[in-house]
Amino acid sequence: MLFKDYDPLKKKQLQILDPKGKIVSPELEPKISKEELLKMYKTMALGRVADIKALQYQRQGRLLTYPPNRGQEATQVGTIAAFEPKDWVSPAFRELNIMLYRGVPLHNIYLYWFGNEWGNHMPLETKVLPVNVIIGSQVTHAAGLAYASKILKKGEVALATIGDGGTSHGEFYEGLNFAASYNAPLVVVIQNNQYAISTPRKKATKAETLAQKAVAFGIPGIQVDGNDILAMYVAAKEAADYARKGNGPVLIEAVTYRLGAHTTSDDPTIYRSDDEVKEWEKKDPMIRFKKYLIDKGYWSEKEDQKLEEENNTYVGETFKGVEATGNAELLDIFKYTYKEMTPQLEEQYQYMKKFLEEGGK
């Protein structure tokens, strides 16, 4: 069992695929089909292009504040690939690749960051909750879903993702403590990208690892090389299986790095060095996974170039569609807090509707 061999108190990090794309723990290499491996890589590749383009659109004044994902693709895709389609996802706000893998349309994702809340209407079959910007709340939401699954005997596991800074928020502890107390099938993945905006991980907590916080809840915890997609898959698979069997929650710390800014409102050069970023660029999850696939004979540089061209075209066309139709209706601000508007909201809605129909006078 991985949780015993990689106890976070022993400060031993799980790694299967090293930065050069070589297998360093052959006994742990997962048996994943070629089709699934390629789906994982293609999701990462689309996510990387969509992420870079989103940053460009924002700088051009065509998109609102956006949280870059570059460098965290393996953490996200390796995790979600290990879960079953029926399982729930309760995301934070930096989960572009999880959403893409689950089938959330890129149009929806861009629409949300364009400023239209309709983008948060996730297709029901994706089992993905809306973007959660309120730090920590996604863990309590996921704990509730997990507990409901247990009560209703649905066999569904809930996945919540959170940043390293989010582990300092109360709802992180409350959600995990609740789920642990009731043996609810919850998996929480900490995307430890080393910075909570400008606060470095080492200043946010005295704990040597974030995974060791699992000890306080009486649950398993494991620290994983978050840029190693195979290690993330193996850890997430074991965690999901463990939770699904009624054993309670699992906490995973994915050690990764945010190569870009916290959001487009942030300037990371103020609080970290270029040399640090360059060192982490050598550990780019895309480079090592592509090398692994090429070595297995599943992929080639020629296919990679073609895929990038296709992704650039697709992303560009998708954003054009968002710009053409994505402006929100003013009256929508009344409609989506509740399933049905309260009498007070209905009264305000009718007043504003009449006001606009009369030309806003």
Protein backbone atom coordinates (compact mmCIF):
# COMPACT_ATOMS: atom_id res chain seq x y z
CA MET A 1 0.00 0.00 0.00
CA LEU A 2 1.52 3.32 -1.11
CA PHE A 3 0.35 5.22 1.96
CA LYS A 4 2.51 3.04 4.23
CA ASP A 5 5.62 3.12 2.06
CA TYR A 6 5.36 6.88 1.44
CA ASP A 7 4.28 8.09 4.86
CA PRO A 8 4.66 11.92 4.70
CA LEU A 9 6.33 11.96 8.12
CA LYS A 10 9.20 10.04 6.51
CA LYS A 11 9.48 12.89 3.99
CA LYS A 12 9.61 10.41 1.10
CA GLN A 13 8.12 11.69 -2.16
CA LEU A 14 6.50 9.40 -4.71
CA GLN A 15 8.06 9.58 -8.17
CA ILE A 16 7.82 7.16 -11.09
CA LEU A 17 8.83 9.31 -14.07
CA ASP A 18 11.86 11.58 -13.63
CA PRO A 19 12.34 15.00 -15.32
CA LYS A 20 14.10 13.31 -18.26
CA GLY A 21 11.11 11.07 -18.94
CA LYS A 22 12.75 7.92 -17.57
CA ILE A 23 11.03 5.40 -15.31
CA VAL A 24 12.75 5.35 -11.92
CA SER A 25 10.28 3.08 -10.11
CA PRO A 26 9.41 0.35 -12.67
CA GLU A 27 7.50 -1.67 -10.09
CA LEU A 28 5.04 1.21 -9.76
CA GLU A 29 4.55 2.05 -13.44
CA PRO A 30 0.78 1.92 -14.00
CA LYS A 31 -0.81 -0.22 -16.70
CA ILE A 32 -2.58 2.47 -18.72
CA SER A 33 -3.72 1.81 -22.27
CA LYS A 34 -2.18 3.68 -25.20
CA GLU A 35 -5.53 5.35 -25.88
CA GLU A 36 -5.81 6.61 -22.31
CA LEU A 37 -2.21 7.83 -22.21
CA LEU A 38 -2.73 9.77 -25.42
CA LYS A 39 -5.96 11.26 -24.11
CA MET A 40 -4.05 12.43 -21.04
CA TYR A 41 -1.29 13.99 -23.10
CA LYS A 42 -3.66 15.61 -25.59
CA THR A 43 -5.63 17.16 -22.72
CA MET A 44 -2.42 18.60 -21.30
CA ALA A 45 -1.42 19.92 -24.72
CA LEU A 46 -4.79 21.59 -25.25
CA GLY A 47 -4.66 23.01 -21.73
CA ARG A 48 -1.21 24.46 -22.32
CA VAL A 49 -2.28 26.25 -25.52
CA ALA A 50 -5.58 27.42 -24.02
CA ASP A 51 -3.69 28.74 -21.00
CA ILE A 52 -1.10 30.66 -23.03
CA LYS A 53 -3.80 32.10 -25.29
CA ALA A 54 -5.93 33.15 -22.30
CA LEU A 55 -3.01 35.15 -20.96
CA GLN A 56 -2.59 36.83 -24.34
CA TYR A 57 -6.30 37.63 -24.60
CA GLN A 58 -6.24 39.15 -21.12
CA ARG A 59 -3.24 41.33 -21.96
CA GLN A 60 -5.13 42.52 -25.04
CA GLY A 61 -8.07 43.58 -22.86
CA ARG A 62 -10.31 40.86 -24.26
CA LEU A 63 -10.54 38.71 -21.11
CA LEU A 64 -10.87 39.55 -17.41
CA THR A 65 -8.50 38.45 -14.64
CA TYR A 66 -7.28 34.92 -15.33
CA PRO A 67 -5.31 32.35 -13.23
CA PRO A 68 -2.57 30.66 -15.31
CA ASN A 69 -2.15 26.88 -15.12
CA ARG A 70 1.18 26.39 -16.93
CA GLY A 71 3.34 23.87 -15.11
CA GLN A 72 0.50 22.18 -13.23
CA GLU A 73 -0.92 20.06 -16.05
CA ALA A 74 0.38 16.71 -14.76
CA THR A 75 -0.99 17.27 -11.28
CA GLN A 76 -4.45 17.90 -12.69
CA VAL A 77 -4.67 15.37 -15.52
CA GLY A 78 -2.88 12.60 -13.63
CA THR A 79 -5.37 13.00 -10.81
CA ILE A 80 -8.63 13.17 -12.73
CA ALA A 81 -7.70 10.32 -15.10
CA ALA A 82 -7.64 7.99 -12.09
CA PHE A 83 -11.24 8.73 -11.08
CA GLU A 84 -14.42 7.19 -12.45
CA PRO A 85 -16.86 9.24 -14.57
CA LYS A 86 -19.48 9.01 -11.81
CA ASP A 87 -17.20 10.71 -9.26
CA TRP A 88 -17.67 14.36 -8.36
CA VAL A 89 -15.14 17.19 -8.79
CA SER A 90 -15.22 20.24 -6.53
CA PRO A 91 -12.58 22.57 -8.02
CA ALA A 92 -10.93 25.77 -6.94
CA PHE A 93 -10.19 28.23 -9.76
CA ARG A 94 -6.96 26.85 -11.31
CA GLU A 95 -8.31 23.56 -12.66
CA LEU A 96 -8.45 24.18 -16.41
CA ASN A 97 -7.01 20.76 -17.28
CA ILE A 98 -9.29 18.81 -14.94
CA MET A 99 -12.29 20.47 -16.55
CA LEU A 100 -11.08 19.79 -20.08
CA TYR A 101 -10.40 16.13 -19.29
CA ARG A 102 -13.88 15.76 -17.82
CA GLY A 103 -15.50 17.23 -20.93
CA VAL A 104 -16.30 20.77 -19.81
CA PRO A 105 -16.31 22.78 -23.08
CA LEU A 106 -13.47 25.27 -23.46
CA HIS A 107 -16.18 27.73 -24.50
CA ASN A 108 -17.67 27.55 -21.00
CA ILE A 109 -14.30 28.02 -19.33
CA TYR A 110 -13.43 31.06 -21.43
CA LEU A 111 -16.95 32.44 -21.02
CA TYR A 112 -16.54 32.45 -17.23
CA TRP A 113 -13.24 34.37 -17.36
CA PHE A 114 -14.81 36.64 -19.97
CA GLY A 115 -17.11 37.81 -17.18
CA ASN A 116 -20.23 35.81 -17.93
CA GLU A 117 -21.40 33.57 -15.06
CA TRP A 118 -23.22 31.35 -17.56
CA GLY A 119 -19.82 29.77 -18.14
CA ASN A 120 -20.20 28.22 -14.69
CA HIS A 121 -23.12 26.10 -15.92
CA MET A 122 -21.19 22.87 -16.21
CA PRO A 123 -22.78 20.07 -18.26
CA LEU A 124 -24.39 17.70 -15.76
CA GLU A 125 -22.62 14.64 -17.15
CA THR A 126 -19.21 16.12 -16.30
CA LYS A 127 -19.98 15.98 -12.54
CA VAL A 128 -17.94 19.17 -12.06
CA LEU A 129 -19.13 21.88 -9.67
CA PRO A 130 -18.82 25.58 -10.58
CA VAL A 131 -15.52 27.40 -10.16
CA ASN A 132 -14.92 28.19 -6.50
CA VAL A 133 -12.97 31.38 -5.82
CA ILE A 134 -13.78 31.44 -2.09
CA ILE A 135 -10.66 29.69 -0.83
CA GLY A 136 -11.37 26.43 1.03
CA SER A 137 -15.10 26.20 0.42
CA GLN A 138 -14.61 23.56 -2.26
CA VAL A 139 -13.41 21.12 0.42
CA THR A 140 -16.58 21.45 2.50
CA HIS A 141 -18.70 21.17 -0.65
CA ALA A 142 -16.87 17.97 -1.59
CA ALA A 143 -17.22 16.61 1.94
CA GLY A 144 -20.98 17.09 1.67
CA LEU A 145 -21.08 15.30 -1.66
CA ALA A 146 -18.99 12.46 -0.26
CA TYR A 147 -21.22 12.10 2.78
CA ALA A 148 -24.33 12.09 0.56
CA SER A 149 -22.75 9.37 -1.56
CA LYS A 150 -22.17 7.28 1.53
CA ILE A 151 -25.70 7.75 2.86
CA LEU A 152 -27.28 7.00 -0.52
CA LYS A 153 -24.85 4.14 -1.21
CA LYS A 154 -23.95 5.56 -4.63
CA GLY A 155 -20.33 4.50 -4.65
CA GLU A 156 -19.26 7.97 -5.79
CA VAL A 157 -16.03 9.57 -4.58
CA ALA A 158 -15.70 13.34 -4.29
CA LEU A 159 -12.48 15.06 -5.34
CA ALA A 160 -11.56 18.51 -4.08
CA THR A 161 -8.51 20.47 -5.20
CA ILE A 162 -6.87 23.30 -3.31
CA GLY A 163 -3.65 25.32 -3.40
CA ASP A 164 -0.93 25.26 -0.78
CA GLY A 165 -2.10 28.61 0.56
CA GLY A 166 -5.62 27.27 0.87
CA THR A 167 -4.47 24.78 3.50
CA SER A 168 -4.24 27.71 5.90
CA HIS A 169 -7.98 28.35 5.59
CA GLY A 170 -10.51 26.99 8.05
CA GLU A 171 -12.74 25.17 5.59
CA PHE A 172 -9.84 22.97 4.49
CA TYR A 173 -9.66 21.60 8.05
CA GLU A 174 -13.40 21.59 8.64
CA GLY A 175 -14.18 19.70 5.46
CA LEU A 176 -11.51 17.06 6.00
CA ASN A 177 -12.33 16.67 9.69
CA PHE A 178 -16.03 16.16 8.90
CA ALA A 179 -15.29 13.63 6.17
CA ALA A 180 -12.82 11.78 8.35
CA SER A 181 -15.23 11.64 11.28
CA TYR A 182 -17.92 10.07 9.08
CA ASN A 183 -15.64 7.98 6.84
CA ALA A 184 -16.93 9.83 3.81
CA PRO A 185 -15.34 8.99 0.43
CA LEU A 186 -13.36 12.19 -0.13
CA VAL A 187 -9.97 12.78 -1.78
CA VAL A 188 -8.32 16.17 -1.40
CA VAL A 189 -5.41 17.09 -3.65
CA ILE A 190 -3.22 20.00 -2.63
CA GLN A 191 -1.66 21.67 -5.66
CA ASN A 192 1.46 22.85 -3.89
CA ASN A 193 2.77 25.27 -6.51
CA GLN A 194 5.10 26.85 -3.92
CA TYR A 195 3.33 30.21 -3.58
CA ALA A 196 0.06 31.50 -2.13
CA ILE A 197 0.09 34.56 -4.38
CA SER A 198 3.37 36.08 -3.07
CA THR A 199 3.69 34.09 0.16
CA PRO A 200 6.18 31.23 -0.26
CA ARG A 201 5.14 27.82 0.99
CA LYS A 202 7.94 27.80 3.60
CA LYS A 203 6.49 30.91 5.28
CA ALA A 204 2.87 29.75 5.25
CA THR A 205 3.32 26.83 7.66
CA LYS A 206 5.98 25.27 9.85
CA ALA A 207 4.97 21.77 8.74
CA GLU A 208 7.74 20.10 6.73
CA THR A 209 5.18 18.71 4.29
CA LEU A 210 1.57 19.58 3.62
CA ALA A 211 0.70 15.90 3.30
CA GLN A 212 1.53 15.36 6.97
CA LYS A 213 -1.51 17.44 7.90
CA ALA A 214 -3.42 14.21 7.24
CA VAL A 215 -2.11 12.86 10.55
CA ALA A 216 -4.30 15.29 12.51
CA PHE A 217 -7.39 13.89 10.77
CA GLY A 218 -6.39 10.27 11.30
CA ILE A 219 -6.31 9.62 7.56
CA PRO A 220 -3.64 8.59 5.04
CA GLY A 221 -1.53 11.28 3.40
CA ILE A 222 1.10 11.13 0.69
CA GLN A 223 3.45 13.58 -0.98
CA VAL A 224 3.86 13.14 -4.73
CA ASP A 225 6.02 14.66 -7.46
CA GLY A 226 3.22 16.71 -8.98
CA ASN A 227 5.05 17.10 -12.30
CA ASP A 228 5.10 13.31 -12.72
CA ILE A 229 1.79 12.37 -14.32
CA LEU A 230 2.27 8.65 -13.69
CA ALA A 231 2.93 9.17 -9.98
CA MET A 232 -0.11 11.40 -9.71
CA TYR A 233 -2.24 8.78 -11.46
CA VAL A 234 -1.04 5.96 -9.19
CA ALA A 235 -1.53 7.97 -5.99
CA ALA A 236 -4.97 9.24 -7.04
CA LYS A 237 -6.09 5.77 -8.14
CA GLU A 238 -5.15 4.21 -4.83
CA ALA A 239 -6.73 7.10 -2.93
CA ALA A 240 -10.00 6.85 -4.89
CA ASP A 241 -10.16 3.07 -4.45
CA TYR A 242 -9.41 3.39 -0.72
CA ALA A 243 -12.13 6.01 -0.23
CA ARG A 244 -14.65 4.12 -2.36
CA LYS A 245 -14.28 1.04 -0.15
CA GLY A 246 -15.57 2.98 2.85
CA ASN A 247 -12.24 3.72 4.50
CA GLY A 248 -12.67 7.49 4.58
CA PRO A 249 -10.71 10.39 3.07
CA VAL A 250 -7.17 10.63 1.70
CA LEU A 251 -4.96 13.71 1.43
CA ILE A 252 -2.48 14.05 -1.46
CA GLU A 253 0.14 16.79 -1.70
CA ALA A 254 1.27 17.33 -5.29
CA VAL A 255 4.61 19.15 -5.31
CA THR A 256 4.56 21.25 -8.47
CA TYR A 257 5.26 24.82 -9.56
CA ARG A 258 3.32 27.73 -10.97
CA LEU A 259 5.47 28.81 -13.91
CA GLY A 260 3.32 31.86 -14.52
CA ALA A 261 1.75 34.48 -12.29
CA HIS A 262 -0.83 33.77 -9.59
CA THR A 263 -3.32 35.64 -11.76
CA THR A 264 -2.96 38.21 -14.51
CA SER A 265 -3.17 40.85 -11.77
CA ASP A 266 0.04 39.54 -10.20
CA ASP A 267 3.72 40.28 -10.93
CA PRO A 268 5.75 37.26 -9.71
CA THR A 269 9.10 38.93 -10.47
CA ILE A 270 8.63 40.95 -7.29
CA TYR A 271 8.81 37.93 -5.00
CA ARG A 272 10.74 35.16 -6.81
CA SER A 273 13.88 34.95 -8.91
CA ASP A 274 14.25 34.12 -12.60
CA ASP A 275 16.80 31.46 -11.65
CA GLU A 276 14.20 29.67 -9.53
CA VAL A 277 11.72 29.65 -12.40
CA LYS A 278 14.37 28.35 -14.83
CA GLU A 279 15.15 25.44 -12.50
CA TRP A 280 11.49 24.45 -12.41
CA GLU A 281 11.15 24.82 -16.17
CA LYS A 282 13.60 21.90 -16.44
CA LYS A 283 10.96 19.83 -14.63
CA ASP A 284 8.16 20.83 -17.03
CA PRO A 285 5.56 18.02 -16.87
CA MET A 286 4.81 18.29 -20.60
CA ILE A 287 8.43 17.62 -21.59
CA ARG A 288 8.86 14.49 -19.47
CA PHE A 289 5.50 12.96 -20.42
CA LYS A 290 6.08 13.56 -24.14
CA LYS A 291 9.52 11.92 -23.87
CA TYR A 292 7.94 8.93 -22.13
CA LEU A 293 5.32 8.54 -24.89
CA ILE A 294 7.89 8.89 -27.67
CA ASP A 295 10.13 6.27 -26.03
CA LYS A 296 7.17 3.88 -25.91
CA GLY A 297 6.51 4.46 -29.62
CA TYR A 298 3.11 6.04 -28.91
CA TRP A 299 3.93 9.56 -30.11
CA SER A 300 6.27 11.56 -32.33
CA GLU A 301 7.51 15.11 -32.76
CA LYS A 302 5.69 15.31 -36.08
CA GLU A 303 2.38 14.38 -34.43
CA ASP A 304 3.15 16.85 -31.67
CA GLN A 305 3.62 19.72 -34.11
CA LYS A 306 0.38 18.87 -35.89
CA LEU A 307 -1.49 18.72 -32.58
CA GLU A 308 -0.19 22.13 -31.55
CA GLU A 309 -1.37 23.65 -34.84
CA GLU A 310 -4.81 22.06 -34.41
CA ASN A 311 -5.04 23.28 -30.82
CA ASN A 312 -4.09 26.84 -31.78
CA THR A 313 -6.80 26.88 -34.43
CA TYR A 314 -9.41 25.36 -32.13
CA VAL A 315 -8.64 27.70 -29.23
CA GLY A 316 -8.70 30.75 -31.48
CA GLU A 317 -12.05 29.81 -33.01
CA THR A 318 -13.50 29.03 -29.58
CA PHE A 319 -12.56 32.43 -28.21
CA LYS A 320 -13.97 34.18 -31.26
CA GLY A 321 -17.28 32.51 -30.46
CA VAL A 322 -17.09 33.72 -26.87
CA GLU A 323 -16.43 37.29 -27.97
CA ALA A 324 -19.27 37.18 -30.51
CA THR A 325 -21.97 35.90 -28.14
CA GLY A 326 -20.56 36.04 -24.63
CA ASN A 327 -21.78 39.37 -23.26
CA ALA A 328 -23.93 38.81 -20.18
CA GLU A 329 -27.46 40.13 -19.90
CA LEU A 330 -27.85 42.71 -17.15
CA LEU A 331 -31.00 41.04 -15.82
CA ASP A 332 -29.11 37.79 -15.29
CA ILE A 333 -27.78 39.16 -11.98
CA PHE A 334 -31.19 38.39 -10.43
CA LYS A 335 -31.65 34.87 -11.78
CA TYR A 336 -29.01 32.46 -10.57
CA THR A 337 -28.49 32.81 -6.83
CA TYR A 338 -31.51 30.60 -6.18
CA LYS A 339 -33.19 27.91 -8.25
CA GLU A 340 -36.27 30.14 -8.25
CA MET A 341 -36.19 33.84 -7.47
CA THR A 342 -37.48 34.87 -4.05
CA PRO A 343 -40.45 37.27 -3.96
CA GLN A 344 -38.10 40.14 -3.20
CA LEU A 345 -35.81 39.29 -6.09
CA GLU A 346 -38.77 38.85 -8.42
CA GLU A 347 -40.02 42.31 -7.45
CA GLN A 348 -36.59 43.84 -8.10
CA TYR A 349 -36.28 41.95 -11.36
CA GLN A 350 -39.63 43.24 -12.65
CA TYR A 351 -38.77 46.79 -11.61
CA MET A 352 -35.40 46.69 -13.41
CA LYS A 353 -36.93 45.01 -16.48
CA LYS A 354 -39.52 47.79 -16.79
CA PHE A 355 -36.85 50.41 -16.17
CA LEU A 356 -34.72 49.06 -19.05
CA GLU A 357 -37.70 48.68 -21.37
CA GLU A 358 -38.52 52.35 -20.83
CA GLY A 359 -35.02 53.28 -21.87
CA GLY A 360 -33.49 53.42 -18.43
CA LYS A 361 -35.11 56.73 -17.48
